[in-house]
Amino acid sequence: MSLALTKLWLWGLAFGVVTSIPTGPSAVLMMNAGLRRGARAGGAVLGGLVCIQIGYMILFWLGLAPLVLGITWLRLSLFLLGGVLVALLGVREAWRGRRSETGPQPAIEAPRHQGIAGDFLSGLVVAATNPGVLLVLAGLVSAASETFGEAYLRPRLWHLFVAVEVGVVAWFAVLVVLVVRLGRRSHTFRRWLSLVASTALIAFGCFLIYKSVRGVLAAVS
């Protein structure tokens, strides 16, 4: 591996970790799933996120992502759909948290195949309807083109994308394991994280809905 390619991989790894640190809806859902149903459930949400990121990366590889970002009605529809779905997921998590407080529950619920599939689909939906995921990747490609040059980057774009995904998976895997271990030790931690998770999802969903409505009003005015 050449020195330039090594720098590209390290740059991608760092980008994947750094952009994963801010807690977005996917991270919140991931931590809450891991807290309630164990690391496998958190990993299932992470799997949904990774699948969507790979799909978006393919769009960039094909040169279609700028077209998607440039279509106003599609972008606003994505904001609106994402806001509604994320808010509903927040309500669902709040309801689950409420039910868990009404009776004796194990420290971490035993994961079921149906539950794991549901967690994967939740991660898929939240990532797919979160415009921030696509915008972050757009920033990644733009910054990498400026740093390494578009002529050098284009045939090596898959190296960058793989490095970013390795960084994303590594960060979130550590985060989920840490949350699960803390949750086993403290019922108060589990309760408060569940409350924060559901509140954050609902708030983020309402923000996306607000952005979409504001965009529509600006477009028609």
C-alpha atoms as a PDB file:
ATOM      1  CA  MET A   1       0.000   0.000   0.000  1.00  0.00           C
ATOM      2  CA  SER A   2       1.435   3.357  -1.065  1.00  0.00           C
ATOM      3  CA  LEU A   3       1.887   6.246   1.341  1.00  0.00           C
ATOM      4  CA  ALA A   4      -0.873   8.245  -0.363  1.00  0.00           C
ATOM      5  CA  LEU A   5      -3.305   5.322  -0.106  1.00  0.00           C
ATOM      6  CA  THR A   6      -2.387   4.815   3.558  1.00  0.00           C
ATOM      7  CA  LYS A   7      -3.173   8.490   4.200  1.00  0.00           C
ATOM      8  CA  LEU A   8      -6.503   8.057   2.418  1.00  0.00           C
ATOM      9  CA  TRP A   9      -7.407   5.102   4.641  1.00  0.00           C
ATOM     10  CA  LEU A  10      -6.373   6.935   7.831  1.00  0.00           C
ATOM     11  CA  TRP A  11      -8.309  10.002   6.685  1.00  0.00           C
ATOM     12  CA  GLY A  12     -11.404   7.874   6.053  1.00  0.00           C
ATOM     13  CA  LEU A  13     -11.108   6.079   9.401  1.00  0.00           C
ATOM     14  CA  ALA A  14     -10.792   9.382  11.250  1.00  0.00           C
ATOM     15  CA  PHE A  15     -13.737  10.847   9.349  1.00  0.00           C
ATOM     16  CA  GLY A  16     -15.894   7.816  10.169  1.00  0.00           C
ATOM     17  CA  VAL A  17     -15.142   8.052  13.888  1.00  0.00           C
ATOM     18  CA  VAL A  18     -15.380  11.849  14.201  1.00  0.00           C
ATOM     19  CA  THR A  19     -18.688  12.142  12.331  1.00  0.00           C
ATOM     20  CA  SER A  20     -20.157   9.335  14.453  1.00  0.00           C
ATOM     21  CA  ILE A  21     -19.393  11.004  17.783  1.00  0.00           C
ATOM     22  CA  PRO A  22     -22.235  13.588  17.639  1.00  0.00           C
ATOM     23  CA  THR A  23     -25.336  11.766  18.854  1.00  0.00           C
ATOM     24  CA  GLY A  24     -27.910  11.653  16.064  1.00  0.00           C
ATOM     25  CA  PRO A  25     -31.163   9.666  15.886  1.00  0.00           C
ATOM     26  CA  SER A  26     -29.405   6.484  14.713  1.00  0.00           C
ATOM     27  CA  ALA A  27     -26.987   6.585  17.654  1.00  0.00           C
ATOM     28  CA  VAL A  28     -29.810   7.250  20.113  1.00  0.00           C
ATOM     29  CA  LEU A  29     -31.872   4.366  18.736  1.00  0.00           C
ATOM     30  CA  MET A  30     -28.807   2.117  18.761  1.00  0.00           C
ATOM     31  CA  MET A  31     -27.986   2.824  22.398  1.00  0.00           C
ATOM     32  CA  ASN A  32     -31.577   2.385  23.517  1.00  0.00           C
ATOM     33  CA  ALA A  33     -31.926  -0.923  21.657  1.00  0.00           C
ATOM     34  CA  GLY A  34     -28.655  -2.148  23.160  1.00  0.00           C
ATOM     35  CA  LEU A  35     -29.733  -1.018  26.604  1.00  0.00           C
ATOM     36  CA  ARG A  36     -33.090  -2.816  26.434  1.00  0.00           C
ATOM     37  CA  ARG A  37     -32.295  -5.960  24.472  1.00  0.00           C
ATOM     38  CA  GLY A  38     -28.535  -6.355  24.548  1.00  0.00           C
ATOM     39  CA  ALA A  39     -25.604  -5.793  22.215  1.00  0.00           C
ATOM     40  CA  ARG A  40     -27.164  -7.899  19.428  1.00  0.00           C
ATOM     41  CA  ALA A  41     -30.102  -5.507  19.214  1.00  0.00           C
ATOM     42  CA  GLY A  42     -27.798  -2.490  19.098  1.00  0.00           C
ATOM     43  CA  GLY A  43     -25.751  -4.262  16.443  1.00  0.00           C
ATOM     44  CA  ALA A  44     -28.914  -4.844  14.403  1.00  0.00           C
ATOM     45  CA  VAL A  45     -29.662  -1.091  14.404  1.00  0.00           C
ATOM     46  CA  LEU A  46     -26.043  -0.479  13.394  1.00  0.00           C
ATOM     47  CA  GLY A  47     -26.464  -2.966  10.555  1.00  0.00           C
ATOM     48  CA  GLY A  48     -29.425  -0.978   9.235  1.00  0.00           C
ATOM     49  CA  LEU A  49     -27.408   2.238   9.363  1.00  0.00           C
ATOM     50  CA  VAL A  50     -24.458   0.662   7.550  1.00  0.00           C
ATOM     51  CA  CYS A  51     -26.697  -0.736   4.792  1.00  0.00           C
ATOM     52  CA  ILE A  52     -28.143   2.717   4.090  1.00  0.00           C
ATOM     53  CA  GLN A  53     -24.714   4.338   4.143  1.00  0.00           C
ATOM     54  CA  ILE A  54     -23.459   1.767   1.648  1.00  0.00           C
ATOM     55  CA  GLY A  55     -26.469   2.484  -0.554  1.00  0.00           C
ATOM     56  CA  TYR A  56     -25.742   6.195  -0.477  1.00  0.00           C
ATOM     57  CA  MET A  57     -22.068   5.514  -1.203  1.00  0.00           C
ATOM     58  CA  ILE A  58     -23.118   3.593  -4.313  1.00  0.00           C
ATOM     59  CA  LEU A  59     -25.076   6.676  -5.385  1.00  0.00           C
ATOM     60  CA  PHE A  60     -21.913   8.742  -5.026  1.00  0.00           C
ATOM     61  CA  TRP A  61     -19.940   6.105  -6.905  1.00  0.00           C
ATOM     62  CA  LEU A  62     -22.417   6.356  -9.777  1.00  0.00           C
ATOM     63  CA  GLY A  63     -22.470  10.143  -9.604  1.00  0.00           C
ATOM     64  CA  LEU A  64     -26.195  10.270  -8.775  1.00  0.00           C
ATOM     65  CA  ALA A  65     -26.065  11.702  -5.246  1.00  0.00           C
ATOM     66  CA  PRO A  66     -25.708  15.378  -6.350  1.00  0.00           C
ATOM     67  CA  LEU A  67     -28.830  14.940  -8.481  1.00  0.00           C
ATOM     68  CA  VAL A  68     -30.776  13.640  -5.481  1.00  0.00           C
ATOM     69  CA  LEU A  69     -29.621  16.550  -3.314  1.00  0.00           C
ATOM     70  CA  GLY A  70     -30.487  19.014  -6.068  1.00  0.00           C
ATOM     71  CA  ILE A  71     -34.141  17.945  -6.428  1.00  0.00           C
ATOM     72  CA  THR A  72     -35.999  20.265  -4.043  1.00  0.00           C
ATOM     73  CA  TRP A  73     -39.241  18.318  -3.767  1.00  0.00           C
ATOM     74  CA  LEU A  74     -37.367  15.047  -3.164  1.00  0.00           C
ATOM     75  CA  ARG A  75     -35.194  16.580  -0.467  1.00  0.00           C
ATOM     76  CA  LEU A  76     -38.182  18.155   1.296  1.00  0.00           C
ATOM     77  CA  SER A  77     -40.174  14.923   1.028  1.00  0.00           C
ATOM     78  CA  LEU A  78     -37.259  13.112   2.645  1.00  0.00           C
ATOM     79  CA  PHE A  79     -37.259  15.613   5.510  1.00  0.00           C
ATOM     80  CA  LEU A  80     -41.022  15.223   6.034  1.00  0.00           C
ATOM     81  CA  LEU A  81     -41.072  11.420   5.824  1.00  0.00           C
ATOM     82  CA  GLY A  82     -38.021  11.185   8.042  1.00  0.00           C
ATOM     83  CA  GLY A  83     -39.516  13.527  10.617  1.00  0.00           C
ATOM     84  CA  VAL A  84     -42.761  11.582  10.881  1.00  0.00           C
ATOM     85  CA  LEU A  85     -41.067   8.183  11.098  1.00  0.00           C
ATOM     86  CA  VAL A  86     -38.406   9.285  13.605  1.00  0.00           C
ATOM     87  CA  ALA A  87     -41.050  10.932  15.816  1.00  0.00           C
ATOM     88  CA  LEU A  88     -43.158   7.756  15.713  1.00  0.00           C
ATOM     89  CA  LEU A  89     -40.118   5.682  16.672  1.00  0.00           C
ATOM     90  CA  GLY A  90     -39.580   8.051  19.593  1.00  0.00           C
ATOM     91  CA  VAL A  91     -43.181   7.547  20.715  1.00  0.00           C
ATOM     92  CA  ARG A  92     -42.725   3.787  20.409  1.00  0.00           C
ATOM     93  CA  GLU A  93     -39.568   3.850  22.527  1.00  0.00           C
ATOM     94  CA  ALA A  94     -41.321   6.009  25.122  1.00  0.00           C
ATOM     95  CA  TRP A  95     -44.208   3.513  25.240  1.00  0.00           C
ATOM     96  CA  ARG A  96     -41.801   0.610  25.657  1.00  0.00           C
ATOM     97  CA  GLY A  97     -40.057   2.461  28.464  1.00  0.00           C
ATOM     98  CA  ARG A  98     -43.381   3.144  30.158  1.00  0.00           C
ATOM     99  CA  ARG A  99     -44.373  -0.521  29.963  1.00  0.00           C
ATOM    100  CA  SER A 100     -41.051  -1.662  31.367  1.00  0.00           C
ATOM    101  CA  GLU A 101     -41.630   0.492  34.456  1.00  0.00           C
ATOM    102  CA  THR A 102     -45.024  -1.050  35.248  1.00  0.00           C
ATOM    103  CA  GLY A 103     -43.770  -4.491  36.116  1.00  0.00           C
ATOM    104  CA  PRO A 104     -40.642  -6.509  36.925  1.00  0.00           C
ATOM    105  CA  GLN A 105     -38.309  -6.780  33.935  1.00  0.00           C
ATOM    106  CA  PRO A 106     -34.948  -8.456  33.465  1.00  0.00           C
ATOM    107  CA  ALA A 107     -31.918  -6.183  33.403  1.00  0.00           C
ATOM    108  CA  ILE A 108     -31.737  -6.698  29.638  1.00  0.00           C
ATOM    109  CA  GLU A 109     -34.512  -8.362  27.688  1.00  0.00           C
ATOM    110  CA  ALA A 110     -33.647 -11.569  25.868  1.00  0.00           C
ATOM    111  CA  PRO A 111     -33.349 -10.765  22.148  1.00  0.00           C
ATOM    112  CA  ARG A 112     -35.797 -12.532  19.834  1.00  0.00           C
ATOM    113  CA  HIS A 113     -35.417 -13.057  16.105  1.00  0.00           C
ATOM    114  CA  GLN A 114     -38.489 -10.898  15.462  1.00  0.00           C
ATOM    115  CA  GLY A 115     -37.090  -8.227  17.778  1.00  0.00           C
ATOM    116  CA  ILE A 116     -33.693  -8.269  16.076  1.00  0.00           C
ATOM    117  CA  ALA A 117     -35.359  -7.931  12.664  1.00  0.00           C
ATOM    118  CA  GLY A 118     -37.431  -5.034  13.996  1.00  0.00           C
ATOM    119  CA  ASP A 119     -34.328  -3.319  15.339  1.00  0.00           C
ATOM    120  CA  PHE A 120     -32.605  -3.753  11.973  1.00  0.00           C
ATOM    121  CA  LEU A 121     -35.602  -2.270  10.148  1.00  0.00           C
ATOM    122  CA  SER A 122     -35.756   0.615  12.626  1.00  0.00           C
ATOM    123  CA  GLY A 123     -32.092   1.389  11.985  1.00  0.00           C
ATOM    124  CA  LEU A 124     -32.729   1.116   8.251  1.00  0.00           C
ATOM    125  CA  VAL A 125     -35.712   3.497   8.348  1.00  0.00           C
ATOM    126  CA  VAL A 126     -34.089   6.110  10.585  1.00  0.00           C
ATOM    127  CA  ALA A 127     -30.918   6.242   8.470  1.00  0.00           C
ATOM    128  CA  ALA A 128     -32.777   6.194   5.139  1.00  0.00           C
ATOM    129  CA  THR A 129     -35.056   9.063   6.110  1.00  0.00           C
ATOM    130  CA  ASN A 130     -32.359  11.168   7.777  1.00  0.00           C
ATOM    131  CA  PRO A 131     -31.051  13.667   5.184  1.00  0.00           C
ATOM    132  CA  GLY A 132     -28.069  14.299   7.426  1.00  0.00           C
ATOM    133  CA  VAL A 133     -26.567  10.928   6.448  1.00  0.00           C
ATOM    134  CA  LEU A 134     -26.497  11.882   2.772  1.00  0.00           C
ATOM    135  CA  LEU A 135     -25.268  15.408   3.515  1.00  0.00           C
ATOM    136  CA  VAL A 136     -22.390  14.109   5.657  1.00  0.00           C
ATOM    137  CA  LEU A 137     -21.300  11.783   2.855  1.00  0.00           C
ATOM    138  CA  ALA A 138     -21.516  14.683   0.397  1.00  0.00           C
ATOM    139  CA  GLY A 139     -19.207  16.644   2.679  1.00  0.00           C
ATOM    140  CA  LEU A 140     -16.887  13.649   2.885  1.00  0.00           C
ATOM    141  CA  VAL A 141     -16.512  13.353  -0.894  1.00  0.00           C
ATOM    142  CA  SER A 142     -16.076  17.103  -1.306  1.00  0.00           C
ATOM    143  CA  ALA A 143     -13.426  17.371   1.422  1.00  0.00           C
ATOM    144  CA  ALA A 144     -11.575  14.279   0.175  1.00  0.00           C
ATOM    145  CA  SER A 145     -11.546  15.640  -3.393  1.00  0.00           C
ATOM    146  CA  GLU A 146      -9.981  18.870  -2.171  1.00  0.00           C
ATOM    147  CA  THR A 147      -7.431  17.042  -0.021  1.00  0.00           C
ATOM    148  CA  PHE A 148      -6.323  14.296  -2.407  1.00  0.00           C
ATOM    149  CA  GLY A 149      -7.422  15.660  -5.770  1.00  0.00           C
ATOM    150  CA  GLU A 150     -10.412  14.431  -7.747  1.00  0.00           C
ATOM    151  CA  ALA A 151      -8.258  12.641 -10.334  1.00  0.00           C
ATOM    152  CA  TYR A 152      -6.556  10.577  -7.617  1.00  0.00           C
ATOM    153  CA  LEU A 153      -9.685   9.989  -5.544  1.00  0.00           C
ATOM    154  CA  ARG A 154     -12.136   8.877  -8.226  1.00  0.00           C
ATOM    155  CA  PRO A 155     -10.651   5.408  -8.938  1.00  0.00           C
ATOM    156  CA  ARG A 156      -9.971   4.902  -5.223  1.00  0.00           C
ATOM    157  CA  LEU A 157     -13.311   6.076  -3.881  1.00  0.00           C
ATOM    158  CA  TRP A 158     -14.201   2.605  -2.609  1.00  0.00           C
ATOM    159  CA  HIS A 159     -11.059   2.645  -0.415  1.00  0.00           C
ATOM    160  CA  LEU A 160     -12.341   5.818   1.225  1.00  0.00           C
ATOM    161  CA  PHE A 161     -15.843   4.446   1.725  1.00  0.00           C
ATOM    162  CA  VAL A 162     -14.616   1.174   3.255  1.00  0.00           C
ATOM    163  CA  ALA A 163     -12.327   3.081   5.621  1.00  0.00           C
ATOM    164  CA  VAL A 164     -15.206   5.337   6.700  1.00  0.00           C
ATOM    165  CA  GLU A 165     -17.481   2.363   7.394  1.00  0.00           C
ATOM    166  CA  VAL A 166     -14.757   0.654   9.441  1.00  0.00           C
ATOM    167  CA  GLY A 167     -14.494   3.819  11.550  1.00  0.00           C
ATOM    168  CA  VAL A 168     -18.274   4.073  11.936  1.00  0.00           C
ATOM    169  CA  VAL A 169     -18.695   0.426  12.948  1.00  0.00           C
ATOM    170  CA  ALA A 170     -15.740   0.549  15.354  1.00  0.00           C
ATOM    171  CA  TRP A 171     -17.056   3.635  17.151  1.00  0.00           C
ATOM    172  CA  PHE A 172     -20.636   2.458  17.489  1.00  0.00           C
ATOM    173  CA  ALA A 173     -19.624  -1.074  18.488  1.00  0.00           C
ATOM    174  CA  VAL A 174     -17.603   0.321  21.385  1.00  0.00           C
ATOM    175  CA  LEU A 175     -20.458   2.683  22.300  1.00  0.00           C
ATOM    176  CA  VAL A 176     -23.098  -0.070  22.353  1.00  0.00           C
ATOM    177  CA  VAL A 177     -20.939  -2.414  24.437  1.00  0.00           C
ATOM    178  CA  LEU A 178     -20.214   0.390  26.906  1.00  0.00           C
ATOM    179  CA  VAL A 179     -23.905   1.291  27.211  1.00  0.00           C
ATOM    180  CA  VAL A 180     -24.901  -2.348  27.723  1.00  0.00           C
ATOM    181  CA  ARG A 181     -22.335  -2.806  30.495  1.00  0.00           C
ATOM    182  CA  LEU A 182     -23.382   0.384  32.259  1.00  0.00           C
ATOM    183  CA  GLY A 183     -27.019  -0.579  31.899  1.00  0.00           C
ATOM    184  CA  ARG A 184     -26.444  -3.920  33.605  1.00  0.00           C
ATOM    185  CA  ARG A 185     -25.142  -2.107  36.661  1.00  0.00           C
ATOM    186  CA  SER A 186     -27.626   0.739  37.033  1.00  0.00           C
ATOM    187  CA  HIS A 187     -31.400   0.714  36.731  1.00  0.00           C
ATOM    188  CA  THR A 188     -31.376   4.511  37.017  1.00  0.00           C
ATOM    189  CA  PHE A 189     -29.028   4.754  34.039  1.00  0.00           C
ATOM    190  CA  ARG A 190     -31.320   2.537  31.968  1.00  0.00           C
ATOM    191  CA  ARG A 191     -34.385   4.567  32.885  1.00  0.00           C
ATOM    192  CA  TRP A 192     -32.829   7.955  32.167  1.00  0.00           C
ATOM    193  CA  LEU A 193     -31.212   6.870  28.916  1.00  0.00           C
ATOM    194  CA  SER A 194     -34.545   5.473  27.767  1.00  0.00           C
ATOM    195  CA  LEU A 195     -36.211   8.800  28.581  1.00  0.00           C
ATOM    196  CA  VAL A 196     -33.484  10.795  26.824  1.00  0.00           C
ATOM    197  CA  ALA A 197     -33.582   8.488  23.794  1.00  0.00           C
ATOM    198  CA  SER A 198     -37.334   8.736  23.254  1.00  0.00           C
ATOM    199  CA  THR A 199     -37.326  12.512  23.851  1.00  0.00           C
ATOM    200  CA  ALA A 200     -34.416  13.038  21.448  1.00  0.00           C
ATOM    201  CA  LEU A 201     -36.076  10.983  18.707  1.00  0.00           C
ATOM    202  CA  ILE A 202     -39.359  12.872  19.029  1.00  0.00           C
ATOM    203  CA  ALA A 203     -37.552  16.240  19.077  1.00  0.00           C
ATOM    204  CA  PHE A 204     -35.445  15.373  16.029  1.00  0.00           C
ATOM    205  CA  GLY A 205     -38.536  14.157  14.186  1.00  0.00           C
ATOM    206  CA  CYS A 206     -40.365  17.403  14.915  1.00  0.00           C
ATOM    207  CA  PHE A 207     -37.313  19.359  13.739  1.00  0.00           C
ATOM    208  CA  LEU A 208     -37.286  17.512  10.402  1.00  0.00           C
ATOM    209  CA  ILE A 209     -41.015  18.146   9.968  1.00  0.00           C
ATOM    210  CA  TYR A 210     -40.456  21.841  10.706  1.00  0.00           C
ATOM    211  CA  LYS A 211     -37.622  21.984   8.150  1.00  0.00           C
ATOM    212  CA  SER A 212     -39.781  20.367   5.475  1.00  0.00           C
ATOM    213  CA  VAL A 213     -42.761  22.673   6.095  1.00  0.00           C
ATOM    214  CA  ARG A 214     -40.507  25.720   6.112  1.00  0.00           C
ATOM    215  CA  GLY A 215     -38.903  24.569   2.866  1.00  0.00           C
ATOM    216  CA  VAL A 216     -42.276  24.055   1.194  1.00  0.00           C
ATOM    217  CA  LEU A 217     -43.454  27.528   2.263  1.00  0.00           C
ATOM    218  CA  ALA A 218     -40.236  29.071   0.943  1.00  0.00           C
ATOM    219  CA  ALA A 219     -40.595  27.205  -2.368  1.00  0.00           C
ATOM    220  CA  VAL A 220     -44.169  28.343  -3.005  1.00  0.00           C
ATOM    221  CA  SER A 221     -43.668  31.943  -1.879  1.00  0.00           C
END
